[in-house]
């Protein structure tokens, strides 16, 4: 996940765009995606 987020940032994605992608992933992935999203937030910080 860290690699994907870093590549998104390097490609010009804003933090808002990354957070929106996480929101969609949580909606589509349910509980497991919600739990794993904390790693993405850690990378963003």
Protein backbone atom coordinates (compact mmCIF):
# COMPACT_ATOMS: atom_id res chain seq x y z
CA UNK A 1 0.00 0.00 0.00
CA UNK A 2 2.86 2.36 0.82
CA UNK A 3 4.30 2.01 -2.68
CA UNK A 4 0.94 2.76 -4.32
CA UNK A 5 0.37 5.85 -2.20
CA UNK A 6 3.88 7.15 -2.84
CA UNK A 7 3.45 6.59 -6.57
CA UNK A 8 0.11 8.40 -6.51
CA UNK A 9 1.73 11.37 -4.77
CA UNK A 10 4.68 11.30 -7.19
CA UNK A 11 2.18 11.33 -10.07
CA UNK A 12 0.53 14.46 -8.72
CA UNK A 13 -2.39 13.09 -6.71
CA UNK A 14 -3.50 15.37 -3.91
CA UNK A 15 -4.13 14.18 -0.37
CA UNK A 16 -7.86 14.73 -0.95
CA UNK A 17 -7.77 12.47 -4.00
CA UNK A 18 -5.99 9.73 -2.08
CA UNK A 19 -8.48 10.02 0.79
CA UNK A 20 -11.36 9.79 -1.68
CA UNK A 21 -9.86 6.60 -3.13
CA UNK A 22 -9.62 5.20 0.41
CA UNK A 23 -13.27 6.04 1.03
CA UNK A 24 -14.30 4.14 -2.09
CA UNK A 25 -12.09 1.20 -1.12
CA UNK A 26 -13.69 1.07 2.32
CA UNK A 27 -17.19 1.13 0.83
CA UNK A 28 -16.40 -1.62 -1.65
CA UNK A 29 -14.10 -3.70 0.56
CA UNK A 30 -16.06 -3.61 3.78
CA UNK A 31 -14.50 -4.39 7.14
CA UNK A 32 -11.10 -5.65 5.96
CA UNK A 33 -10.53 -2.56 3.83
CA UNK A 34 -11.55 -0.32 6.71
CA UNK A 35 -9.04 -1.98 9.02
CA UNK A 36 -6.24 -1.78 6.44
CA UNK A 37 -6.95 1.86 5.62
CA UNK A 38 -5.15 2.86 8.82
CA UNK A 39 -1.88 1.90 7.13
CA UNK A 40 -2.65 4.30 4.30
CA UNK A 41 -3.31 7.12 6.76
CA UNK A 42 -0.01 6.35 8.47
CA UNK A 43 1.80 6.68 5.13
CA UNK A 44 0.09 10.00 4.40
CA UNK A 45 1.18 11.42 7.73
